[in-house]
N, C-alpha and C. Protein backbone atom coordinates (compact mmCIF):
# COMPACT_ATOMS: atom_id res chain seq x y z
N UNK A 1 27.42 0.79 3.58
CA UNK A 1 26.06 1.20 3.88
C UNK A 1 25.62 0.58 5.19
N UNK A 2 24.90 1.36 5.98
CA UNK A 2 24.36 0.88 7.25
C UNK A 2 22.86 1.14 7.27
N UNK A 3 22.13 0.21 7.87
CA UNK A 3 20.68 0.34 8.02
C UNK A 3 20.39 0.26 9.51
N UNK A 4 19.84 1.35 10.07
CA UNK A 4 19.57 1.43 11.51
C UNK A 4 18.13 1.83 11.75
N UNK A 5 17.60 1.43 12.91
CA UNK A 5 16.28 1.92 13.30
C UNK A 5 16.35 3.43 13.45
N UNK A 6 15.36 4.11 12.90
CA UNK A 6 15.31 5.57 12.97
C UNK A 6 15.09 6.03 14.41
N UNK A 7 15.70 7.13 14.73
CA UNK A 7 15.50 7.79 16.02
C UNK A 7 14.72 9.08 15.78
N UNK A 8 14.15 9.63 16.84
CA UNK A 8 13.36 10.85 16.70
C UNK A 8 14.12 11.95 15.97
N UNK A 9 15.41 12.08 16.24
CA UNK A 9 16.18 13.16 15.61
C UNK A 9 16.47 12.88 14.13
N UNK A 10 16.06 11.71 13.61
CA UNK A 10 16.21 11.40 12.19
C UNK A 10 15.00 11.81 11.37
N UNK A 11 13.89 12.12 12.04
CA UNK A 11 12.62 12.35 11.35
C UNK A 11 12.67 13.52 10.37
N UNK A 12 13.38 14.57 10.69
CA UNK A 12 13.48 15.71 9.78
C UNK A 12 14.10 15.27 8.46
N UNK A 13 15.16 14.49 8.53
CA UNK A 13 15.84 14.03 7.31
C UNK A 13 14.96 13.02 6.55
N UNK A 14 14.25 12.16 7.26
CA UNK A 14 13.34 11.20 6.62
C UNK A 14 12.29 11.95 5.79
N UNK A 15 11.69 12.96 6.38
CA UNK A 15 10.67 13.75 5.68
C UNK A 15 11.29 14.54 4.54
N UNK A 16 12.49 15.06 4.73
CA UNK A 16 13.18 15.79 3.67
C UNK A 16 13.41 14.90 2.45
N UNK A 17 13.86 13.68 2.66
CA UNK A 17 14.08 12.74 1.55
C UNK A 17 12.75 12.38 0.89
N UNK A 18 11.73 12.17 1.70
CA UNK A 18 10.40 11.89 1.15
C UNK A 18 9.94 13.03 0.24
N UNK A 19 10.11 14.25 0.72
CA UNK A 19 9.69 15.42 -0.05
C UNK A 19 10.43 15.55 -1.38
N UNK A 20 11.66 15.05 -1.44
CA UNK A 20 12.42 15.09 -2.69
C UNK A 20 11.76 14.26 -3.78
N UNK A 21 10.96 13.26 -3.38
CA UNK A 21 10.33 12.37 -4.35
C UNK A 21 9.01 12.91 -4.90
N UNK A 22 8.42 13.87 -4.25
CA UNK A 22 7.08 14.32 -4.62
C UNK A 22 7.03 14.96 -6.01
N UNK A 23 7.92 15.88 -6.36
CA UNK A 23 7.80 16.54 -7.67
C UNK A 23 7.87 15.60 -8.88
N UNK A 24 8.58 14.49 -8.76
CA UNK A 24 8.74 13.58 -9.91
C UNK A 24 7.46 12.84 -10.26
N UNK A 25 6.53 12.74 -9.31
CA UNK A 25 5.28 11.99 -9.50
C UNK A 25 5.55 10.52 -9.83
N UNK A 26 6.68 9.99 -9.34
CA UNK A 26 7.04 8.60 -9.59
C UNK A 26 6.78 7.67 -8.41
N UNK A 27 6.90 8.16 -7.19
CA UNK A 27 6.91 7.23 -6.08
C UNK A 27 5.95 7.52 -4.93
N UNK A 28 5.20 8.57 -5.00
CA UNK A 28 4.20 8.83 -3.98
C UNK A 28 3.01 9.55 -4.60
N UNK A 29 1.86 9.32 -4.02
CA UNK A 29 0.65 10.00 -4.48
C UNK A 29 0.43 11.31 -3.74
N UNK A 30 1.33 11.64 -2.81
CA UNK A 30 1.26 12.96 -2.19
C UNK A 30 1.62 13.99 -3.24
N UNK A 31 0.92 15.10 -3.24
CA UNK A 31 1.16 16.14 -4.24
C UNK A 31 1.69 17.43 -3.63
N UNK A 32 1.70 17.50 -2.30
CA UNK A 32 2.25 18.67 -1.62
C UNK A 32 3.28 18.19 -0.60
N UNK A 33 4.20 19.08 -0.28
CA UNK A 33 5.28 18.72 0.64
C UNK A 33 4.73 18.39 2.03
N UNK A 34 5.39 17.43 2.66
CA UNK A 34 5.02 17.00 4.00
C UNK A 34 5.87 17.74 5.03
N UNK A 35 5.44 17.68 6.27
CA UNK A 35 6.21 18.20 7.39
C UNK A 35 6.32 17.07 8.42
N UNK A 36 7.24 17.22 9.34
CA UNK A 36 7.34 16.23 10.41
C UNK A 36 6.01 16.15 11.16
N UNK A 37 5.37 17.30 11.34
CA UNK A 37 4.09 17.31 12.04
C UNK A 37 3.01 16.57 11.25
N UNK A 38 2.95 16.78 9.94
CA UNK A 38 1.91 16.12 9.15
C UNK A 38 2.17 14.62 9.02
N UNK A 39 3.40 14.19 9.17
CA UNK A 39 3.76 12.77 9.12
C UNK A 39 3.94 12.18 10.52
N UNK A 40 3.62 12.97 11.54
CA UNK A 40 3.86 12.55 12.92
C UNK A 40 3.23 11.22 13.29
N UNK A 41 1.96 11.04 12.96
CA UNK A 41 1.27 9.78 13.30
C UNK A 41 1.93 8.61 12.59
N UNK A 42 2.27 8.80 11.33
CA UNK A 42 2.95 7.75 10.57
C UNK A 42 4.32 7.44 11.18
N UNK A 43 5.09 8.47 11.49
CA UNK A 43 6.41 8.27 12.07
C UNK A 43 6.32 7.51 13.39
N UNK A 44 5.36 7.88 14.22
CA UNK A 44 5.20 7.25 15.53
C UNK A 44 4.59 5.85 15.46
N UNK A 45 3.97 5.51 14.32
CA UNK A 45 3.31 4.20 14.20
C UNK A 45 4.30 3.05 14.05
N UNK A 46 5.55 3.34 13.81
CA UNK A 46 6.53 2.29 13.62
C UNK A 46 6.93 1.68 14.96
N UNK A 47 7.24 0.39 14.89
CA UNK A 47 7.59 -0.36 16.09
C UNK A 47 8.70 -1.33 15.73
N UNK A 48 9.03 -2.21 16.65
CA UNK A 48 10.08 -3.19 16.38
C UNK A 48 9.71 -4.09 15.20
N UNK A 49 8.44 -4.50 15.12
CA UNK A 49 8.00 -5.37 14.01
C UNK A 49 7.67 -4.59 12.75
N UNK A 50 7.40 -3.32 12.87
CA UNK A 50 7.06 -2.45 11.73
C UNK A 50 8.03 -1.27 11.75
N UNK A 51 9.27 -1.59 11.44
CA UNK A 51 10.37 -0.65 11.63
C UNK A 51 10.43 0.44 10.58
N UNK A 52 11.00 1.54 11.00
CA UNK A 52 11.42 2.62 10.12
C UNK A 52 12.94 2.66 10.24
N UNK A 53 13.60 2.39 9.13
CA UNK A 53 15.06 2.36 9.11
C UNK A 53 15.61 3.57 8.37
N UNK A 54 16.76 4.04 8.82
CA UNK A 54 17.49 5.05 8.05
C UNK A 54 18.68 4.37 7.39
N UNK A 55 19.01 4.85 6.21
CA UNK A 55 20.12 4.32 5.43
C UNK A 55 21.26 5.33 5.54
N UNK A 56 22.39 4.87 6.03
CA UNK A 56 23.53 5.77 6.20
C UNK A 56 24.70 5.34 5.34
N UNK A 57 25.29 6.34 4.70
CA UNK A 57 26.56 6.19 4.00
C UNK A 57 27.51 7.21 4.61
N UNK A 58 28.66 6.75 5.04
CA UNK A 58 29.64 7.63 5.67
C UNK A 58 28.99 8.50 6.75
N UNK A 59 28.16 7.86 7.56
CA UNK A 59 27.48 8.47 8.72
C UNK A 59 26.48 9.55 8.35
N UNK A 60 26.06 9.61 7.08
CA UNK A 60 25.07 10.59 6.64
C UNK A 60 23.84 9.83 6.15
N UNK A 61 22.65 10.28 6.56
CA UNK A 61 21.41 9.63 6.13
C UNK A 61 21.15 9.98 4.67
N UNK A 62 21.08 8.93 3.83
CA UNK A 62 20.86 9.12 2.40
C UNK A 62 19.56 8.46 1.94
N UNK A 63 18.85 7.85 2.86
CA UNK A 63 17.59 7.20 2.50
C UNK A 63 16.93 6.60 3.71
N UNK A 64 15.80 5.97 3.45
CA UNK A 64 15.08 5.29 4.52
C UNK A 64 14.21 4.19 3.94
N UNK A 65 13.82 3.28 4.81
CA UNK A 65 12.94 2.18 4.43
C UNK A 65 11.99 1.93 5.58
N UNK A 66 10.78 1.50 5.26
CA UNK A 66 9.84 1.20 6.34
C UNK A 66 8.98 -0.01 6.00
N UNK A 67 8.66 -0.75 7.06
CA UNK A 67 7.64 -1.79 6.99
C UNK A 67 6.39 -1.21 7.61
N UNK A 68 5.29 -1.36 6.93
CA UNK A 68 4.02 -0.85 7.43
C UNK A 68 2.99 -1.97 7.36
N UNK A 69 2.16 -2.07 8.38
CA UNK A 69 1.12 -3.10 8.38
C UNK A 69 0.22 -2.95 7.17
N UNK A 70 -0.21 -4.08 6.64
CA UNK A 70 -1.11 -4.09 5.50
C UNK A 70 -2.53 -4.27 5.99
N UNK A 71 -3.36 -3.34 5.68
CA UNK A 71 -4.82 -3.41 5.85
C UNK A 71 -5.32 -3.43 7.28
N UNK A 72 -4.45 -3.53 8.26
CA UNK A 72 -4.83 -3.37 9.66
C UNK A 72 -5.72 -4.44 10.26
N UNK A 73 -5.82 -5.60 9.64
CA UNK A 73 -6.63 -6.69 10.19
C UNK A 73 -5.70 -7.80 10.68
N UNK A 74 -6.07 -8.48 11.77
CA UNK A 74 -5.19 -9.50 12.35
C UNK A 74 -4.76 -10.60 11.37
N UNK A 75 -5.62 -11.00 10.46
CA UNK A 75 -5.28 -12.07 9.53
C UNK A 75 -4.14 -11.69 8.58
N UNK A 76 -3.86 -10.38 8.47
CA UNK A 76 -2.78 -9.92 7.60
C UNK A 76 -1.51 -9.57 8.38
N UNK A 77 -1.40 -10.02 9.61
CA UNK A 77 -0.29 -9.59 10.46
C UNK A 77 1.09 -9.99 9.94
N UNK A 78 1.17 -11.00 9.07
CA UNK A 78 2.46 -11.42 8.53
C UNK A 78 2.75 -10.77 7.17
N UNK A 79 1.90 -9.84 6.76
CA UNK A 79 2.06 -9.14 5.48
C UNK A 79 2.36 -7.67 5.74
N UNK A 80 3.34 -7.14 5.02
CA UNK A 80 3.69 -5.73 5.19
C UNK A 80 3.82 -5.05 3.84
N UNK A 81 3.65 -3.73 3.88
CA UNK A 81 4.00 -2.89 2.74
C UNK A 81 5.39 -2.35 3.02
N UNK A 82 6.26 -2.46 2.04
CA UNK A 82 7.62 -1.94 2.15
C UNK A 82 7.75 -0.68 1.31
N UNK A 83 8.29 0.36 1.92
CA UNK A 83 8.60 1.60 1.21
C UNK A 83 10.08 1.88 1.33
N UNK A 84 10.69 2.29 0.24
CA UNK A 84 12.10 2.67 0.24
C UNK A 84 12.23 3.99 -0.52
N UNK A 85 12.88 4.95 0.10
CA UNK A 85 13.12 6.26 -0.52
C UNK A 85 14.60 6.59 -0.36
N UNK A 86 15.23 6.93 -1.47
CA UNK A 86 16.66 7.26 -1.48
C UNK A 86 16.82 8.68 -2.01
N UNK A 87 17.67 9.45 -1.35
CA UNK A 87 18.02 10.80 -1.81
C UNK A 87 18.43 10.70 -3.29
N UNK A 88 17.86 11.53 -4.16
CA UNK A 88 18.19 11.45 -5.59
C UNK A 88 19.69 11.50 -5.89
N UNK A 89 20.47 12.16 -5.06
CA UNK A 89 21.92 12.23 -5.28
C UNK A 89 22.60 10.88 -5.10
N UNK A 90 21.89 9.91 -4.50
CA UNK A 90 22.46 8.59 -4.25
C UNK A 90 21.72 7.48 -4.98
N UNK A 91 20.81 7.84 -5.87
CA UNK A 91 20.08 6.84 -6.63
C UNK A 91 20.94 6.32 -7.78
N UNK A 92 20.57 5.15 -8.28
CA UNK A 92 21.28 4.51 -9.40
C UNK A 92 22.73 4.19 -9.08
N UNK A 93 22.99 3.91 -7.80
CA UNK A 93 24.34 3.56 -7.35
C UNK A 93 24.33 2.25 -6.56
N UNK A 94 23.20 1.54 -6.58
CA UNK A 94 23.10 0.28 -5.86
C UNK A 94 22.61 0.39 -4.44
N UNK A 95 22.37 1.60 -3.96
CA UNK A 95 21.93 1.78 -2.58
C UNK A 95 20.54 1.15 -2.38
N UNK A 96 19.62 1.45 -3.28
CA UNK A 96 18.26 0.91 -3.15
C UNK A 96 18.26 -0.61 -3.18
N UNK A 97 19.06 -1.19 -4.03
CA UNK A 97 19.14 -2.65 -4.13
C UNK A 97 19.69 -3.25 -2.83
N UNK A 98 20.72 -2.63 -2.28
CA UNK A 98 21.29 -3.11 -1.01
C UNK A 98 20.27 -3.00 0.12
N UNK A 99 19.55 -1.89 0.16
CA UNK A 99 18.53 -1.70 1.20
C UNK A 99 17.42 -2.74 1.04
N UNK A 100 16.96 -2.94 -0.17
CA UNK A 100 15.90 -3.92 -0.41
C UNK A 100 16.36 -5.31 0.02
N UNK A 101 17.57 -5.68 -0.32
CA UNK A 101 18.11 -6.97 0.09
C UNK A 101 18.13 -7.13 1.60
N UNK A 102 18.57 -6.10 2.31
CA UNK A 102 18.60 -6.16 3.78
C UNK A 102 17.20 -6.23 4.37
N UNK A 103 16.27 -5.51 3.79
CA UNK A 103 14.89 -5.54 4.29
C UNK A 103 14.28 -6.92 4.11
N UNK A 104 14.57 -7.56 2.99
CA UNK A 104 14.07 -8.92 2.76
C UNK A 104 14.65 -9.87 3.82
N UNK A 105 15.93 -9.72 4.11
CA UNK A 105 16.56 -10.55 5.15
C UNK A 105 15.92 -10.30 6.51
N UNK A 106 15.68 -9.05 6.86
CA UNK A 106 15.11 -8.70 8.16
C UNK A 106 13.67 -9.22 8.29
N UNK A 107 12.95 -9.29 7.18
CA UNK A 107 11.54 -9.64 7.21
C UNK A 107 11.30 -11.00 7.87
N UNK A 108 12.06 -11.99 7.50
CA UNK A 108 11.81 -13.32 8.05
C UNK A 108 12.04 -13.37 9.55
N UNK A 109 12.99 -12.59 10.06
CA UNK A 109 13.24 -12.53 11.50
C UNK A 109 12.13 -11.79 12.25
N UNK A 110 11.32 -11.04 11.52
CA UNK A 110 10.22 -10.29 12.13
C UNK A 110 8.88 -11.01 11.98
N UNK A 111 8.90 -12.22 11.48
CA UNK A 111 7.66 -12.97 11.30
C UNK A 111 6.86 -12.55 10.08
N UNK A 112 7.51 -11.88 9.16
CA UNK A 112 6.85 -11.41 7.94
C UNK A 112 6.98 -12.51 6.88
N UNK A 113 5.86 -12.84 6.24
CA UNK A 113 5.88 -13.88 5.21
C UNK A 113 5.59 -13.33 3.82
N UNK A 114 5.01 -12.14 3.74
CA UNK A 114 4.70 -11.52 2.45
C UNK A 114 5.07 -10.05 2.51
N UNK A 115 5.79 -9.60 1.48
CA UNK A 115 6.14 -8.18 1.36
C UNK A 115 5.46 -7.64 0.12
N UNK A 116 4.80 -6.51 0.28
CA UNK A 116 4.12 -5.84 -0.83
C UNK A 116 4.83 -4.52 -1.14
N UNK A 117 4.88 -4.21 -2.41
CA UNK A 117 5.35 -2.92 -2.86
C UNK A 117 4.28 -2.31 -3.75
N UNK A 118 3.79 -1.14 -3.38
CA UNK A 118 2.80 -0.43 -4.18
C UNK A 118 3.58 0.56 -5.05
N UNK A 119 3.60 0.32 -6.36
CA UNK A 119 4.47 1.07 -7.26
C UNK A 119 3.67 1.57 -8.45
N UNK A 120 3.82 2.86 -8.75
CA UNK A 120 3.19 3.38 -9.96
C UNK A 120 3.72 2.61 -11.16
N UNK A 121 2.84 2.28 -12.09
CA UNK A 121 3.22 1.49 -13.26
C UNK A 121 4.26 2.21 -14.13
N UNK A 122 4.31 3.53 -14.07
CA UNK A 122 5.29 4.27 -14.88
C UNK A 122 6.65 4.43 -14.18
N UNK A 123 6.78 3.89 -12.98
CA UNK A 123 8.05 3.97 -12.24
C UNK A 123 8.91 2.75 -12.61
N UNK A 124 9.48 2.83 -13.79
CA UNK A 124 10.22 1.71 -14.37
C UNK A 124 11.40 1.29 -13.50
N UNK A 125 12.14 2.24 -12.94
CA UNK A 125 13.31 1.91 -12.12
C UNK A 125 12.92 1.06 -10.90
N UNK A 126 11.87 1.46 -10.22
CA UNK A 126 11.44 0.70 -9.04
C UNK A 126 10.90 -0.67 -9.44
N UNK A 127 10.19 -0.74 -10.56
CA UNK A 127 9.68 -2.02 -11.03
C UNK A 127 10.85 -2.97 -11.33
N UNK A 128 11.89 -2.48 -11.98
CA UNK A 128 13.06 -3.30 -12.29
C UNK A 128 13.77 -3.76 -11.01
N UNK A 129 13.88 -2.86 -10.05
CA UNK A 129 14.54 -3.19 -8.79
C UNK A 129 13.80 -4.31 -8.07
N UNK A 130 12.49 -4.19 -7.96
CA UNK A 130 11.71 -5.22 -7.28
C UNK A 130 11.81 -6.55 -8.02
N UNK A 131 11.71 -6.51 -9.33
CA UNK A 131 11.81 -7.74 -10.13
C UNK A 131 13.16 -8.42 -9.91
N UNK A 132 14.22 -7.63 -9.84
CA UNK A 132 15.57 -8.15 -9.61
C UNK A 132 15.64 -8.95 -8.31
N UNK A 133 14.84 -8.57 -7.33
CA UNK A 133 14.83 -9.23 -6.02
C UNK A 133 13.72 -10.26 -5.89
N UNK A 134 13.08 -10.61 -6.99
CA UNK A 134 12.12 -11.70 -6.98
C UNK A 134 10.66 -11.32 -6.83
N UNK A 135 10.37 -10.04 -6.77
CA UNK A 135 8.97 -9.60 -6.68
C UNK A 135 8.28 -9.85 -8.02
N UNK A 136 6.99 -10.16 -7.94
CA UNK A 136 6.17 -10.30 -9.14
C UNK A 136 4.89 -9.49 -8.94
N UNK A 137 4.24 -9.20 -10.03
CA UNK A 137 3.01 -8.41 -9.95
C UNK A 137 1.88 -9.26 -9.38
N UNK A 138 1.29 -8.78 -8.29
CA UNK A 138 0.15 -9.45 -7.67
C UNK A 138 -1.15 -8.70 -7.92
N UNK A 139 -1.04 -7.47 -8.40
CA UNK A 139 -2.25 -6.70 -8.66
C UNK A 139 -1.96 -5.50 -9.55
N UNK A 140 -3.03 -5.01 -10.15
CA UNK A 140 -2.93 -3.85 -11.03
C UNK A 140 -4.20 -3.03 -10.88
N UNK A 141 -4.04 -1.77 -10.55
CA UNK A 141 -5.17 -0.86 -10.38
C UNK A 141 -5.05 0.25 -11.42
N UNK A 142 -5.82 0.13 -12.51
CA UNK A 142 -5.68 1.08 -13.61
C UNK A 142 -6.20 2.48 -13.27
N UNK A 143 -5.38 3.47 -13.56
CA UNK A 143 -5.75 4.90 -13.47
C UNK A 143 -6.47 5.26 -12.18
N UNK A 144 -5.90 4.85 -11.04
CA UNK A 144 -6.54 5.13 -9.74
C UNK A 144 -6.01 6.39 -9.08
N UNK A 145 -4.92 6.95 -9.60
CA UNK A 145 -4.36 8.17 -9.01
C UNK A 145 -4.44 9.30 -10.04
N UNK A 146 -4.82 10.47 -9.55
CA UNK A 146 -4.83 11.65 -10.42
C UNK A 146 -3.91 12.69 -9.83
N UNK A 147 -2.94 13.08 -10.63
CA UNK A 147 -1.99 14.12 -10.24
C UNK A 147 -1.78 15.05 -11.41
N UNK A 148 -1.90 16.32 -11.16
CA UNK A 148 -1.68 17.33 -12.19
C UNK A 148 -2.55 17.10 -13.42
N UNK A 149 -3.78 16.62 -13.20
CA UNK A 149 -4.70 16.40 -14.30
C UNK A 149 -4.43 15.15 -15.11
N UNK A 150 -3.49 14.32 -14.68
CA UNK A 150 -3.17 13.08 -15.39
C UNK A 150 -3.52 11.89 -14.51
N UNK A 151 -3.92 10.78 -15.14
CA UNK A 151 -4.25 9.56 -14.42
C UNK A 151 -3.07 8.60 -14.45
N UNK A 152 -2.86 7.93 -13.32
CA UNK A 152 -1.74 7.00 -13.18
C UNK A 152 -2.25 5.68 -12.62
N UNK A 153 -1.65 4.60 -13.09
CA UNK A 153 -1.99 3.26 -12.63
C UNK A 153 -1.01 2.81 -11.55
N UNK A 154 -1.52 1.95 -10.67
CA UNK A 154 -0.73 1.44 -9.55
C UNK A 154 -0.60 -0.07 -9.66
N UNK A 155 0.60 -0.57 -9.46
CA UNK A 155 0.79 -2.01 -9.42
C UNK A 155 1.05 -2.42 -7.98
N UNK A 156 0.69 -3.64 -7.68
CA UNK A 156 1.03 -4.23 -6.38
C UNK A 156 2.02 -5.35 -6.68
N UNK A 157 3.25 -5.15 -6.23
CA UNK A 157 4.30 -6.13 -6.41
C UNK A 157 4.42 -6.93 -5.12
N UNK A 158 4.59 -8.23 -5.22
CA UNK A 158 4.64 -9.06 -4.02
C UNK A 158 5.78 -10.04 -4.04
N UNK A 159 6.20 -10.41 -2.81
CA UNK A 159 7.25 -11.40 -2.61
C UNK A 159 6.89 -12.23 -1.40
N UNK A 160 6.92 -13.55 -1.54
CA UNK A 160 6.80 -14.46 -0.41
C UNK A 160 8.19 -14.62 0.18
N UNK A 161 8.29 -14.44 1.49
CA UNK A 161 9.59 -14.51 2.17
C UNK A 161 9.75 -15.90 2.78
């Protein structure tokens, strides 16, 4: 597995993998498919300290990970939200765990001291993955998301790096 900074020509695949997660209602609160154009500002917002990485297996992009600034205030500059999305065909094979491990390693070199994961409470697989890497629950927001007429709770998982 290789983790590289995303290039402009990777954005189509990044959005494609993101869109694969929407129907399950497990990992994003988006309810309609995204386009590169609709995610353009987000894609362009990444920088050296707030990277967007692509995950490659045998030279094919099978996932991505990103660090995103938390709350946009200077006092939170050492805190990031981490997102990881893996193509469903490559899930449950250790790819997500390897990516998470590498992201944790990269964080300290980027001046990051706290990593947050915003995870739906019903996303058991992601909760187990974060716990395996030392994350603990730092917050719980009951029934804050509504999708398809159902309410979902959000947890905030945190790790000090």
